[in-house]
Protein backbone atom coordinates (compact mmCIF):
# COMPACT_ATOMS: atom_id res chain seq x y z
CA UNK A 1 18.79 19.02 -23.45
CA UNK A 2 19.14 15.32 -22.57
CA UNK A 3 15.63 15.01 -21.04
CA UNK A 4 14.17 16.75 -24.09
CA UNK A 5 15.99 14.32 -26.38
CA UNK A 6 14.46 11.46 -24.37
CA UNK A 7 11.02 13.00 -24.71
CA UNK A 8 11.49 13.49 -28.46
CA UNK A 9 12.31 9.78 -28.76
CA UNK A 10 8.66 9.09 -27.93
CA UNK A 11 7.93 10.09 -31.54
CA UNK A 12 9.67 6.88 -32.68
CA UNK A 13 6.49 4.72 -32.80
CA UNK A 14 4.93 7.42 -34.98
CA UNK A 15 7.97 7.91 -37.22
CA UNK A 16 6.02 7.36 -40.45
CA UNK A 17 3.49 10.05 -39.53
CA UNK A 18 6.25 12.40 -38.38
CA UNK A 19 8.18 11.71 -41.59
CA UNK A 20 5.10 12.61 -43.63
CA UNK A 21 4.80 15.89 -41.72
CA UNK A 22 8.49 16.63 -42.30
CA UNK A 23 8.24 15.81 -46.01
CA UNK A 24 5.22 18.12 -46.32
CA UNK A 25 7.12 20.91 -44.57
CA UNK A 26 10.13 20.46 -46.87
CA UNK A 27 7.84 20.72 -49.91
CA UNK A 28 6.44 23.97 -48.54
CA UNK A 29 9.94 25.37 -48.11
CA UNK A 30 11.07 24.22 -51.55
CA UNK A 31 8.01 25.85 -53.08
CA UNK A 32 8.92 29.04 -51.26
CA UNK A 33 12.40 28.95 -52.81
CA UNK A 34 10.92 28.68 -56.33
CA UNK A 35 8.58 31.65 -55.77
CA UNK A 36 11.20 34.47 -56.09
CA UNK A 37 12.57 32.98 -59.34
CA UNK A 38 9.13 33.16 -60.94
CA UNK A 39 8.78 36.73 -59.67
CA UNK A 40 12.18 37.62 -61.16
CA UNK A 41 11.14 36.13 -64.51
CA UNK A 42 7.91 38.15 -64.56
CA UNK A 43 9.84 41.40 -63.96
CA UNK A 44 12.95 40.82 -66.10
CA UNK A 45 11.33 38.95 -68.99
CA UNK A 46 7.58 39.42 -68.91
CA UNK A 47 7.34 43.11 -68.00
CA UNK A 48 10.66 44.30 -69.42
CA UNK A 49 10.04 42.62 -72.80
CA UNK A 50 6.23 42.74 -72.78
CA UNK A 51 6.19 38.94 -73.03
CA UNK A 52 2.63 38.02 -72.09
CA UNK A 53 3.30 34.31 -72.47
CA UNK A 54 6.00 34.48 -69.79
CA UNK A 55 3.74 36.55 -67.55
CA UNK A 56 0.86 34.07 -67.90
CA UNK A 57 3.04 30.99 -67.41
CA UNK A 58 4.86 32.46 -64.44
CA UNK A 59 1.57 33.63 -62.88
CA UNK A 60 0.18 30.12 -63.35
CA UNK A 61 3.32 28.80 -61.66
CA UNK A 62 2.70 31.12 -58.72
CA UNK A 63 -0.87 29.81 -58.40
CA UNK A 64 0.37 26.21 -58.56
CA UNK A 65 2.91 26.95 -55.85
CA UNK A 66 0.16 28.50 -53.72
CA UNK A 67 -1.94 25.32 -54.09
CA UNK A 68 1.03 23.10 -53.23
CA UNK A 69 1.86 25.23 -50.21
CA UNK A 70 -1.74 25.17 -49.00
CA UNK A 71 -2.10 21.39 -49.32
CA UNK A 72 1.30 20.62 -47.82
CA UNK A 73 0.75 23.09 -44.97
CA UNK A 74 -2.48 21.29 -44.08
CA UNK A 75 -0.77 17.89 -44.20
CA UNK A 76 2.15 19.14 -42.15
CA UNK A 77 -0.13 20.57 -39.46
CA UNK A 78 -2.38 17.51 -39.27
CA UNK A 79 0.35 14.88 -39.36
CA UNK A 80 2.60 16.69 -36.87
CA UNK A 81 -0.29 17.08 -34.42
CA UNK A 82 -1.22 13.41 -34.85
CA UNK A 83 2.35 12.29 -34.11
CA UNK A 84 2.78 14.65 -31.15
CA UNK A 85 -0.57 13.69 -29.62
CA UNK A 86 0.49 10.05 -29.83
CA UNK A 87 3.79 10.84 -28.12
CA UNK A 88 1.96 12.83 -25.41
CA UNK A 89 -0.44 9.91 -24.93
CA UNK A 90 2.49 7.56 -24.32
CA UNK A 91 4.21 10.06 -22.01
CA UNK A 92 1.10 10.52 -19.87
CA UNK A 93 0.66 6.75 -19.61
CA UNK A 94 4.32 6.35 -18.67
CA UNK A 95 4.12 8.92 -15.86
CA UNK A 96 0.81 7.61 -14.56
CA UNK A 97 2.08 4.03 -14.65
CA UNK A 98 5.21 5.09 -12.79
CA UNK A 99 3.15 6.84 -10.11
CA UNK A 100 1.26 3.57 -9.59
CA UNK A 101 4.50 1.72 -8.88
CA UNK A 102 6.10 4.23 -6.53
CA UNK A 103 5.94 3.37 -2.84
CA UNK A 104 4.05 5.22 -0.13
CA UNK A 105 7.25 7.01 0.90
CA UNK A 106 7.40 8.84 -2.44
CA UNK A 107 3.79 9.98 -2.21
CA UNK A 108 4.31 10.99 1.42
CA UNK A 109 6.77 13.64 0.25
CA UNK A 110 5.37 14.59 -3.18
CA UNK A 111 2.82 17.36 -3.61
CA UNK A 112 -0.29 16.36 -5.52
CA UNK A 113 -0.45 19.69 -7.35
CA UNK A 114 3.13 19.29 -8.60
CA UNK A 115 2.39 15.78 -9.87
CA UNK A 116 -0.77 16.98 -11.63
CA UNK A 117 1.21 19.74 -13.33
CA UNK A 118 3.79 17.28 -14.60
CA UNK A 119 1.18 14.94 -16.04
CA UNK A 120 -0.78 17.77 -17.70
CA UNK A 121 1.03 21.07 -18.28
CA UNK A 122 4.58 19.70 -18.59
CA UNK A 123 3.50 17.00 -21.02
CA UNK A 124 1.67 19.63 -23.08
CA UNK A 125 4.80 21.81 -23.24
CA UNK A 126 6.80 18.87 -24.56
CA UNK A 127 4.00 17.95 -26.98
CA UNK A 128 3.92 21.44 -28.46
CA UNK A 129 7.63 21.28 -29.14
CA UNK A 130 7.56 17.77 -30.62
CA UNK A 131 4.45 18.60 -32.67
CA UNK A 132 5.31 22.04 -34.02
CA UNK A 133 8.59 23.29 -32.61
CA UNK A 134 10.77 20.42 -33.76
CA UNK A 135 9.37 20.39 -37.29
CA UNK A 136 9.47 24.17 -37.48
CA UNK A 137 13.08 23.99 -36.36
CA UNK A 138 13.96 21.51 -39.11
CA UNK A 139 11.95 23.50 -41.64
CA UNK A 140 13.64 26.75 -40.60
CA UNK A 141 17.07 25.14 -41.00
CA UNK A 142 16.14 23.84 -44.49
CA UNK A 143 14.88 27.29 -45.52
CA UNK A 144 17.89 29.00 -43.97
CA UNK A 145 20.44 26.78 -45.72
CA UNK A 146 18.51 26.79 -49.01
CA UNK A 147 18.14 30.58 -49.00
CA UNK A 148 21.81 31.06 -48.13
CA UNK A 149 22.87 28.75 -50.98
CA UNK A 150 20.65 30.53 -53.51
CA UNK A 151 21.85 33.97 -52.33
CA UNK A 152 25.50 32.99 -52.80
CA UNK A 153 24.71 31.44 -56.21
CA UNK A 154 22.86 34.56 -57.41
CA UNK A 155 25.40 37.14 -56.24
CA UNK A 156 28.16 36.07 -53.90
CA UNK A 157 29.00 39.65 -52.82
CA UNK A 158 25.42 40.41 -51.78
CA UNK A 159 25.11 36.91 -50.31
CA UNK A 160 28.11 37.33 -48.04
CA UNK A 161 26.84 40.77 -46.99
CA UNK A 162 23.48 39.22 -46.07
CA UNK A 163 25.13 36.38 -44.15
CA UNK A 164 27.25 38.73 -42.02
CA UNK A 165 24.38 39.20 -39.59
CA UNK A 166 23.90 35.48 -38.86
CA UNK A 167 26.72 35.04 -36.29
CA UNK A 168 25.38 37.97 -34.25
CA UNK A 169 21.84 36.57 -34.31
CA UNK A 170 23.01 33.09 -33.27
CA UNK A 171 25.00 34.65 -30.44
CA UNK A 172 21.85 36.39 -29.19
CA UNK A 173 19.88 33.12 -29.46
CA UNK A 174 22.50 31.20 -27.48
CA UNK A 175 22.54 33.71 -24.65
CA UNK A 176 18.74 33.83 -24.64
CA UNK A 177 18.31 30.04 -24.45
CA UNK A 178 20.82 29.68 -21.60
CA UNK A 179 19.10 32.41 -19.60
CA UNK A 180 15.46 31.55 -20.20
CA UNK A 181 15.48 27.79 -19.48
CA UNK A 182 16.00 28.13 -15.68
CA UNK A 183 13.19 30.69 -15.66
CA UNK A 184 10.84 28.20 -17.33
CA UNK A 185 11.74 25.58 -14.69
CA UNK A 186 10.69 28.10 -12.04
CA UNK A 187 7.50 28.93 -13.95
CA UNK A 188 6.43 25.27 -13.97
CA UNK A 189 7.34 24.94 -10.28
CA UNK A 190 5.22 28.00 -9.45
CA UNK A 191 2.36 26.54 -11.51
CA UNK A 192 2.66 23.28 -9.60
CA UNK A 193 2.58 25.15 -6.27
CA UNK A 194 -0.54 27.00 -7.40
CA UNK A 195 -2.20 23.72 -8.41
CA UNK A 196 -1.34 22.29 -4.98
CA UNK A 197 -3.15 25.17 -3.28
CA UNK A 198 -6.15 24.67 -5.59
CA UNK A 199 -6.24 20.91 -5.04
CA UNK A 200 -6.04 21.26 -1.25
CA UNK A 201 -8.75 23.91 -1.22
CA UNK A 202 -11.16 21.90 -3.37
CA UNK A 203 -10.54 18.71 -1.37
CA UNK A 204 -10.95 20.54 1.94
CA UNK A 205 -13.73 22.96 0.99
CA UNK A 206 -15.93 21.79 3.87
CA UNK A 207 -13.18 22.47 6.39
CA UNK A 208 -12.56 25.88 4.84
CA UNK A 209 -16.20 26.85 5.13
CA UNK A 210 -16.59 25.35 8.60
CA UNK A 211 -13.77 27.53 9.95
CA UNK A 212 -14.75 30.59 7.87
CA UNK A 213 -11.35 30.65 6.16
CA UNK A 214 -12.53 31.63 2.68
CA UNK A 215 -10.73 34.98 2.81
CA UNK A 216 -7.51 33.35 4.00
CA UNK A 217 -7.63 30.72 1.27
CA UNK A 218 -8.43 33.40 -1.32
CA UNK A 219 -5.37 35.37 -0.19
CA UNK A 220 -3.21 32.23 -0.22
CA UNK A 221 -4.26 31.44 -3.78
CA UNK A 222 -3.78 35.06 -4.82
CA UNK A 223 -0.26 35.01 -3.37
CA UNK A 224 0.62 31.86 -5.33
CA UNK A 225 -0.99 33.30 -8.45
CA UNK A 226 0.95 36.54 -7.98
CA UNK A 227 4.21 34.56 -7.73
CA UNK A 228 3.36 32.76 -10.99
CA UNK A 229 2.52 36.07 -12.66
CA UNK A 230 5.81 37.62 -11.54
CA UNK A 231 7.75 34.62 -12.84
CA UNK A 232 5.98 34.77 -16.19
CA UNK A 233 6.69 38.49 -16.43
CA UNK A 234 10.40 37.78 -15.89
CA UNK A 235 10.26 35.51 -18.93
CA UNK A 236 8.35 38.13 -20.93
CA UNK A 237 10.92 40.78 -20.02
CA UNK A 238 13.74 38.56 -21.22
CA UNK A 239 11.97 37.80 -24.50
CA UNK A 240 11.01 41.43 -25.00
CA UNK A 241 14.62 42.54 -24.58
CA UNK A 242 16.07 39.94 -26.97
CA UNK A 243 13.63 39.77 -29.88
CA UNK A 244 13.78 43.50 -30.77
CA UNK A 245 17.56 43.14 -30.86
CA UNK A 246 17.22 40.21 -33.28
CA UNK A 247 14.84 42.22 -35.47
CA UNK A 248 17.23 45.17 -35.43
CA UNK A 249 20.18 43.06 -36.57
CA UNK A 250 18.03 41.46 -39.27
CA UNK A 251 16.68 44.77 -40.53
CA UNK A 252 20.18 46.22 -40.51
CA UNK A 253 21.32 43.40 -42.78
CA UNK A 254 18.35 43.96 -45.09
CA UNK A 255 19.13 47.68 -45.31
CA UNK A 256 22.75 46.95 -46.22
CA UNK A 257 21.69 44.51 -48.95
CA UNK A 258 19.17 46.96 -50.46
CA UNK A 259 21.72 49.77 -50.33
CA UNK A 260 24.45 47.75 -52.01
CA UNK A 261 21.99 46.05 -54.41
CA UNK A 262 20.52 49.42 -55.42
CA UNK A 263 24.01 50.59 -56.40
CA UNK A 264 24.45 47.40 -58.45
CA UNK A 265 21.13 47.97 -60.26
CA UNK A 266 22.06 51.59 -61.06
CA UNK A 267 25.41 50.36 -62.37
CA UNK A 268 23.58 47.76 -64.55
CA UNK A 269 25.51 44.87 -62.97
CA UNK A 270 22.27 43.60 -61.40
CA UNK A 271 18.76 43.59 -62.83
CA UNK A 272 15.75 44.91 -60.97
CA UNK A 273 14.16 41.45 -61.06
CA UNK A 274 17.28 39.92 -59.55
CA UNK A 275 17.26 42.51 -56.75
CA UNK A 276 13.56 41.80 -56.05
CA UNK A 277 14.25 38.06 -56.03
CA UNK A 278 17.30 38.62 -53.85
CA UNK A 279 15.34 40.61 -51.28
CA UNK A 280 12.67 37.87 -51.31
CA UNK A 281 15.32 35.28 -50.54
CA UNK A 282 16.64 37.62 -47.88
CA UNK A 283 13.20 37.59 -46.30
CA UNK A 284 13.26 33.80 -46.46
CA UNK A 285 16.64 33.97 -44.76
CA UNK A 286 15.37 36.33 -42.05
CA UNK A 287 12.04 34.65 -41.41
CA UNK A 288 13.64 31.39 -40.20
CA UNK A 289 15.77 33.50 -37.86
CA UNK A 290 12.64 34.96 -36.30
CA UNK A 291 11.08 31.47 -36.18
CA UNK A 292 14.24 30.20 -34.49
CA UNK A 293 13.79 32.87 -31.84
CA UNK A 294 10.30 31.62 -31.03
CA UNK A 295 11.51 28.02 -31.19
CA UNK A 296 14.35 28.86 -28.79
CA UNK A 297 11.78 29.94 -26.22
CA UNK A 298 9.62 26.87 -26.93
CA UNK A 299 12.65 24.61 -26.75
CA UNK A 300 13.77 26.07 -23.42
CA UNK A 301 10.29 25.63 -21.96
CA UNK A 302 9.97 22.09 -23.32
CA UNK A 303 13.42 21.20 -21.97
CA UNK A 304 12.44 22.46 -18.52
CA UNK A 305 9.20 20.45 -18.64
CA UNK A 306 10.97 17.32 -19.91
CA UNK A 307 13.38 17.59 -16.99
CA UNK A 308 10.45 17.69 -14.54
CA UNK A 309 8.72 14.76 -16.30
CA UNK A 310 11.74 12.48 -16.09
CA UNK A 311 12.31 13.39 -12.45
CA UNK A 312 9.12 11.37 -11.85
CA UNK A 313 9.87 8.68 -14.44
CA UNK A 314 13.37 8.11 -13.03
CA UNK A 315 12.27 8.18 -9.38
CA UNK A 316 13.24 5.02 -7.50
CA UNK A 317 10.64 3.19 -5.44
CA UNK A 318 11.86 2.20 -2.00
CA UNK A 319 9.73 -0.94 -2.21
CA UNK A 320 11.25 -2.99 -5.02
CA UNK A 321 10.33 -6.43 -6.22
CA UNK A 322 13.28 -8.74 -6.56
CA UNK A 323 13.92 -10.23 -10.02
CA UNK A 324 13.72 -13.74 -8.55
CA UNK A 325 10.65 -13.04 -6.37
CA UNK A 326 8.34 -16.03 -6.05
CA UNK A 327 4.57 -16.18 -6.04
CA UNK A 328 3.26 -16.34 -2.49
CA UNK A 329 1.21 -19.56 -2.26
CA UNK A 330 -2.22 -19.50 -0.56
CA UNK A 331 -1.54 -18.57 3.04
CA UNK A 332 -3.04 -19.59 6.37
CA UNK A 333 -2.13 -16.29 8.01
CA UNK A 334 0.83 -16.74 10.36
CA UNK A 335 2.60 -13.37 10.78
CA UNK A 336 6.00 -12.83 12.42
CA UNK A 337 7.88 -9.59 13.08
CA UNK A 338 11.56 -10.36 13.69
CA UNK A 339 13.45 -7.41 15.28
CA UNK A 340 11.82 -4.92 12.90
CA UNK A 341 12.91 -1.29 12.93
CA UNK A 342 11.62 1.36 10.56
CA UNK A 343 12.23 5.04 9.87
CA UNK A 344 10.25 7.15 7.38
CA UNK A 345 12.18 8.88 4.59
CA UNK A 346 13.55 12.19 5.82
CA UNK A 347 12.65 11.47 9.46
CA UNK A 348 15.24 11.67 12.22
CA UNK A 349 13.49 9.32 14.66
CA UNK A 350 12.59 5.68 14.20
CA UNK A 351 8.87 4.98 13.92
CA UNK A 352 9.50 1.41 15.12
CA UNK A 353 12.47 -0.01 17.01
CA UNK A 354 13.30 -3.67 17.53
CA UNK A 355 9.67 -4.84 17.24
CA UNK A 356 9.20 -8.59 17.52
CA UNK A 357 6.04 -10.68 17.89
CA UNK A 358 4.48 -13.80 16.39
CA UNK A 359 0.83 -14.27 15.48
CA UNK A 360 -0.74 -17.67 14.84
CA UNK A 361 -3.25 -18.13 11.98
CA UNK A 362 -6.76 -17.05 12.84
CA UNK A 363 -5.63 -14.76 15.67
CA UNK A 364 -7.25 -11.37 16.20
CA UNK A 365 -4.62 -8.81 17.17
CA UNK A 366 -5.48 -5.38 18.57
CA UNK A 367 -2.82 -2.68 18.50
CA UNK A 368 -3.11 0.15 20.99
CA UNK A 369 -0.79 2.94 21.99
CA UNK A 370 -0.29 6.63 22.39
CA UNK A 371 -0.62 8.95 19.40
CA UNK A 372 2.36 8.64 17.08
CA UNK A 373 3.66 5.52 18.80
CA UNK A 374 3.79 3.47 15.56
CA UNK A 375 0.46 1.59 15.46
CA UNK A 376 -0.34 2.32 11.82
CA UNK A 377 3.28 1.75 10.84
CA UNK A 378 3.05 -1.88 11.95
CA UNK A 379 0.04 -2.67 9.77
CA UNK A 380 1.50 -0.71 6.82
CA UNK A 381 4.57 -2.94 6.83
CA UNK A 382 2.62 -6.19 6.49
CA UNK A 383 1.42 -5.61 2.87
CA UNK A 384 4.78 -3.93 2.04
CA UNK A 385 3.49 -0.40 1.71
CA UNK A 386 6.92 0.26 3.21
CA UNK A 387 9.94 -1.97 3.76
CA UNK A 388 11.53 -2.25 7.22
CA UNK A 389 14.84 -0.48 7.71
CA UNK A 390 16.07 -3.43 9.73
CA UNK A 391 14.75 -6.90 10.54
CA UNK A 392 12.27 -8.96 8.58
CA UNK A 393 8.55 -9.72 8.34
CA UNK A 394 7.40 -13.27 7.66
CA UNK A 395 4.04 -14.54 6.46
CA UNK A 396 3.72 -18.31 6.75
CA UNK A 397 7.50 -18.36 7.00
CA UNK A 398 8.02 -16.38 3.77
CA UNK A 399 9.91 -13.09 3.96
CA UNK A 400 7.57 -10.56 2.37
CA UNK A 401 10.52 -9.10 0.43
CA UNK A 402 11.08 -12.42 -1.33
CA UNK A 403 7.59 -12.78 -2.81
CA UNK A 404 5.85 -10.80 -5.55
CA UNK A 405 3.97 -7.75 -4.33
CA UNK A 406 0.76 -8.68 -6.20
CA UNK A 407 0.59 -12.19 -4.76
CA UNK A 408 1.15 -10.74 -1.28
CA UNK A 409 -1.43 -7.97 -1.41
CA UNK A 410 -4.10 -10.10 -3.09
CA UNK A 411 -4.30 -12.13 0.12
CA UNK A 412 -4.52 -9.16 2.48
CA UNK A 413 -7.65 -7.08 2.96
CA UNK A 414 -7.07 -3.51 4.13
CA UNK A 415 -9.50 -0.92 5.45
CA UNK A 416 -7.52 2.26 6.03
CA UNK A 417 -8.32 4.98 8.53
CA UNK A 418 -8.91 7.51 5.74
CA UNK A 419 -11.74 6.00 3.72
CA UNK A 420 -11.38 6.60 -0.01
CA UNK A 421 -14.14 5.86 -2.50
CA UNK A 422 -13.84 6.42 -6.24
CA UNK A 423 -16.25 8.17 -8.57
CA UNK A 424 -18.61 5.47 -9.76
CA UNK A 425 -21.38 3.29 -8.40
CA UNK A 426 -21.58 1.65 -4.99
CA UNK A 427 -21.28 -1.75 -6.67
CA UNK A 428 -18.10 -0.70 -8.51
CA UNK A 429 -16.55 0.54 -5.27
CA UNK A 430 -17.30 -2.67 -3.38
CA UNK A 431 -15.99 -4.76 -6.29
CA UNK A 432 -12.90 -2.56 -6.75
CA UNK A 433 -10.50 -5.35 -5.77
CA UNK A 434 -12.52 -7.98 -7.69
CA UNK A 435 -14.12 -6.34 -10.74
CA UNK A 436 -15.39 -9.74 -11.93
CA UNK A 437 -17.39 -10.37 -8.72
CA UNK A 438 -21.06 -11.23 -9.23
CA UNK A 439 -23.81 -9.06 -7.79
CA UNK A 440 -24.62 -11.85 -5.30
CA UNK A 441 -21.04 -11.77 -4.02
CA UNK A 442 -21.15 -7.97 -3.76
CA UNK A 443 -24.43 -8.10 -1.84
CA UNK A 444 -23.05 -10.78 0.52
CA UNK A 445 -20.03 -8.60 1.30
CA UNK A 446 -22.29 -5.58 1.85
CA UNK A 447 -24.52 -7.58 4.20
CA UNK A 448 -21.50 -8.71 6.16
CA UNK A 449 -20.35 -5.10 6.48
CA UNK A 450 -23.82 -3.97 7.61
CA UNK A 451 -24.12 -1.85 4.45
CA UNK A 452 -26.86 -3.65 2.52
CA UNK A 453 -29.76 -1.92 4.23
CA UNK A 454 -28.66 1.66 3.63
CA UNK A 455 -27.56 0.82 0.07
CA UNK A 456 -31.10 -0.29 -0.77
CA UNK A 457 -32.33 3.10 0.50
CA UNK A 458 -30.23 4.89 -2.15
CA UNK A 459 -32.00 6.12 -5.32
CA UNK A 460 -30.59 3.35 -7.54
CA UNK A 461 -29.49 0.85 -4.94
CA UNK A 462 -26.13 -0.70 -5.78
CA UNK A 463 -25.98 1.29 -9.05
CA UNK A 464 -26.14 4.64 -7.20
CA UNK A 465 -23.29 7.00 -8.08
CA UNK A 466 -21.40 7.92 -4.90
CA UNK A 467 -19.92 11.16 -6.27
CA UNK A 468 -16.30 12.27 -6.05
CA UNK A 469 -14.60 10.62 -3.04
CA UNK A 470 -18.03 9.36 -1.91
CA UNK A 471 -19.31 12.85 -1.14
CA UNK A 472 -22.92 11.66 -1.35
CA UNK A 473 -22.50 9.29 1.61
CA UNK A 474 -21.93 9.79 5.31
CA UNK A 475 -18.62 8.92 6.93
CA UNK A 476 -20.06 5.76 8.48
CA UNK A 477 -21.57 4.66 5.16
CA UNK A 478 -18.26 5.17 3.38
CA UNK A 479 -16.46 3.11 6.01
CA UNK A 480 -18.92 0.23 5.72
CA UNK A 481 -18.50 0.20 1.93
CA UNK A 482 -14.73 0.16 2.44
CA UNK A 483 -15.09 -2.80 4.81
CA UNK A 484 -17.28 -4.60 2.26
CA UNK A 485 -14.62 -3.91 -0.37
CA UNK A 486 -12.00 -5.61 1.79
CA UNK A 487 -14.24 -8.53 2.74
CA UNK A 488 -15.10 -9.29 -0.88
CA UNK A 489 -11.48 -10.37 -1.36
CA UNK A 490 -12.03 -13.06 1.31
CA UNK A 491 -8.53 -12.38 2.60
CA UNK A 492 -6.63 -14.62 5.00
CA UNK A 493 -5.18 -11.52 6.65
CA UNK A 494 -7.48 -8.60 7.44
CA UNK A 495 -6.26 -5.15 8.52
CA UNK A 496 -8.72 -2.71 10.07
CA UNK A 497 -7.00 0.61 10.76
CA UNK A 498 -9.49 2.41 13.01
CA UNK A 499 -12.10 1.34 10.45
CA UNK A 500 -15.15 1.90 12.67
CA UNK A 501 -14.29 5.39 13.90
CA UNK A 502 -17.10 7.04 11.90
CA UNK A 503 -20.00 4.83 12.95
CA UNK A 504 -22.17 5.21 16.00
CA UNK A 505 -22.02 2.78 18.91
CA UNK A 506 -25.12 0.83 17.88
CA UNK A 507 -23.94 0.44 14.27
CA UNK A 508 -20.51 -0.60 15.47
CA UNK A 509 -22.06 -3.15 17.78
CA UNK A 510 -23.96 -4.70 14.89
CA UNK A 511 -20.90 -4.42 12.67
CA UNK A 512 -18.75 -6.05 15.33
CA UNK A 513 -21.21 -8.96 15.65
CA UNK A 514 -20.87 -9.55 11.91
CA UNK A 515 -17.10 -9.09 11.97
CA UNK A 516 -16.80 -11.60 14.83
CA UNK A 517 -18.14 -14.27 12.48
CA UNK A 518 -16.24 -12.99 9.46
CA UNK A 519 -12.83 -12.85 11.11
CA UNK A 520 -13.16 -16.40 12.32
CA UNK A 521 -10.29 -18.33 10.74
CA UNK A 522 -8.63 -15.11 9.53
CA UNK A 523 -5.65 -13.34 11.01
CA UNK A 524 -6.95 -9.88 11.84
CA UNK A 525 -5.11 -6.75 12.93
CA UNK A 526 -7.27 -4.03 14.46
CA UNK A 527 -6.30 -0.47 15.33
CA UNK A 528 -9.30 0.93 17.18
CA UNK A 529 -10.38 3.69 19.47
CA UNK A 530 -13.06 1.73 21.31
CA UNK A 531 -12.82 -0.74 24.18
CA UNK A 532 -15.19 -3.24 22.56
CA UNK A 533 -12.89 -3.54 19.56
CA UNK A 534 -9.90 -4.57 21.65
CA UNK A 535 -11.62 -6.51 24.42
CA UNK A 536 -12.46 -9.34 22.00
CA UNK A 537 -8.90 -9.59 20.67
CA UNK A 538 -6.88 -12.75 21.26
CA UNK A 539 -3.71 -10.69 21.52
CA UNK A 540 -3.18 -7.01 22.31
CA UNK A 541 0.07 -5.24 21.45
CA UNK A 542 0.79 -2.11 23.50
CA UNK A 543 3.04 0.33 21.62
CA UNK A 544 4.87 3.23 23.22
CA UNK A 545 7.74 5.29 21.86
CA UNK A 546 8.10 3.04 18.78
CA UNK A 547 8.46 -0.14 20.88
CA UNK A 548 6.22 -2.95 22.07
CA UNK A 549 6.14 -2.47 25.82
CA UNK A 550 3.60 -5.20 26.58
CA UNK A 551 1.47 -7.86 24.94
CA UNK A 552 -1.28 -10.15 26.16
CA UNK A 553 -5.05 -10.33 26.56
CA UNK A 554 -7.24 -7.52 27.85
CA UNK A 555 -7.50 -8.92 31.36
CA UNK A 556 -3.79 -9.79 31.56
CA UNK A 557 -2.73 -6.30 30.50
CA UNK A 558 -5.10 -4.58 32.91
CA UNK A 559 -3.28 -6.38 35.70
CA UNK A 560 0.29 -6.17 34.44
CA UNK A 561 0.59 -3.01 32.30
CA UNK A 562 -0.22 0.39 33.88
CA UNK A 563 0.16 2.11 30.49
CA UNK A 564 -2.55 -0.11 29.02
CA UNK A 565 -4.87 0.82 31.87
CA UNK A 566 -4.20 4.49 31.20
CA UNK A 567 -4.90 4.04 27.47
CA UNK A 568 -8.16 2.21 28.17
CA UNK A 569 -9.36 4.86 30.59
CA UNK A 570 -8.20 7.95 28.69
CA UNK A 571 -8.13 7.14 24.96
CA UNK A 572 -10.54 4.31 24.22
CA UNK A 573 -14.27 4.91 24.17
CA UNK A 574 -16.44 2.56 26.20
CA UNK A 575 -19.16 1.92 23.65
CA UNK A 576 -20.83 -1.20 25.02
CA UNK A 577 -24.51 -1.37 24.05
CA UNK A 578 -25.98 -3.82 26.56
CA UNK A 579 -29.58 -3.35 25.46
CA UNK A 580 -28.83 -4.39 21.88
CA UNK A 581 -28.93 -8.18 21.99
CA UNK A 582 -30.76 -9.10 18.81
CA UNK A 583 -28.81 -11.43 16.60
CA UNK A 584 -27.58 -9.83 13.41
CA UNK A 585 -29.23 -11.56 10.46
């Protein structure tokens, strides 16, 4: 219950609204407690004595109670929903904000579908409890205690007889809550797994159709859906076996009270009106018990969801900013790796081992190596997407772990291998890192990335919507926009992780001509699959089996490093375009 208590604490900023809802609910319950007394007075005084004044006044009282109940019920529903929606709003923001701060290693292991379920479905389960369940629980307890007190005050023998069933009902509730909560945890996990399948299928729909795997994906989704159905049915079975038992115990208590009360009425020690009022209070006593049964299920589900929510909120990021971290001053771009080793979370092998090299400002560094050798790991360590397991990384002599993450990353431009564009316009995507950039600055970056021409061919130019993940653009167009996005930052360090893999040789040639001018004075790291991209580099690092096995220029490595020669001949594409000599404008 501790995670649920933490989630309920999110109502604190809305305590006045929640208090209003609770006050309205208490008024409804108090009005309910007055209702049987008016009914008793109508029977024992009005009807028995033919007292029309009593009948009219009591009937008017019943109408007034109905009006009060209606108004307070509306207020309770509205105010409780308002408070719970506010708490859910804060919870969603908290989870989303936390996801933004977690390092790459967390997202490497987390399933997107599970995270989506926690932000949406799990928050909604908690909201329903904080909005209705919690208030209904408090209201049920007020009604239960009030009804019990009135029953004892009216006739202590009948009251004790009615209260005999409560321990048995609470025993059933306790067993039910302990059993059903783990099932709800599994339900939410199954829902998250189903959402993961859905998210993967929608994101990869083109691959699915290309390989004619629609039937397979349909079966995979059906299997996950069937698992969710089976888990839900387990919960339904448990509820179906417990609630009839609760009703049976409650009805048994009611039968005992009516039997004993009927004898009292026949013996003239109890009036008919008092018996009617007593049975009404007995209903008020039983109804909260039934409500508590529903709340027990809601509470168990909300507790399971709260546990899943705070698993994300309490997750620790492997990349942490030190409390005394300093702002990284404007850099010139000197980068040093000092005996750096790195291993991904959960991996048995090191991705990098004892890697050391020094890069002077303005140097263009190409990184080549066999698949899985650690090329991308090197460039991911520079902006602290991960922290090294051993060793240190220096930029202008500053250990990257001793400066603030924002001040570090603001001075590094990154174009990743997997190009990601956001729903919005082309201009918004280019200006993603600098939302305040002018249109002239955006156009200049697009020109530099050889994107301006095709952007003007779009229906609305720079204001053209690219669609989800840039679906309306080709792979090469998306990559050029991503390059423009990085260049707009005017970074001193530029990282191009195979950033020209989706453009043709002629476009890359033109792009390379522009990049040659743009990277002048910048420290640039390039991971490429083409000879032309590495031939121009001032320094080439050859990676094999997580180590640097050689470094030097293209010509030096061809003479001294057989592995480099093999990589050039077998892995890198020779894309020279000798006939294309026109200067790029």
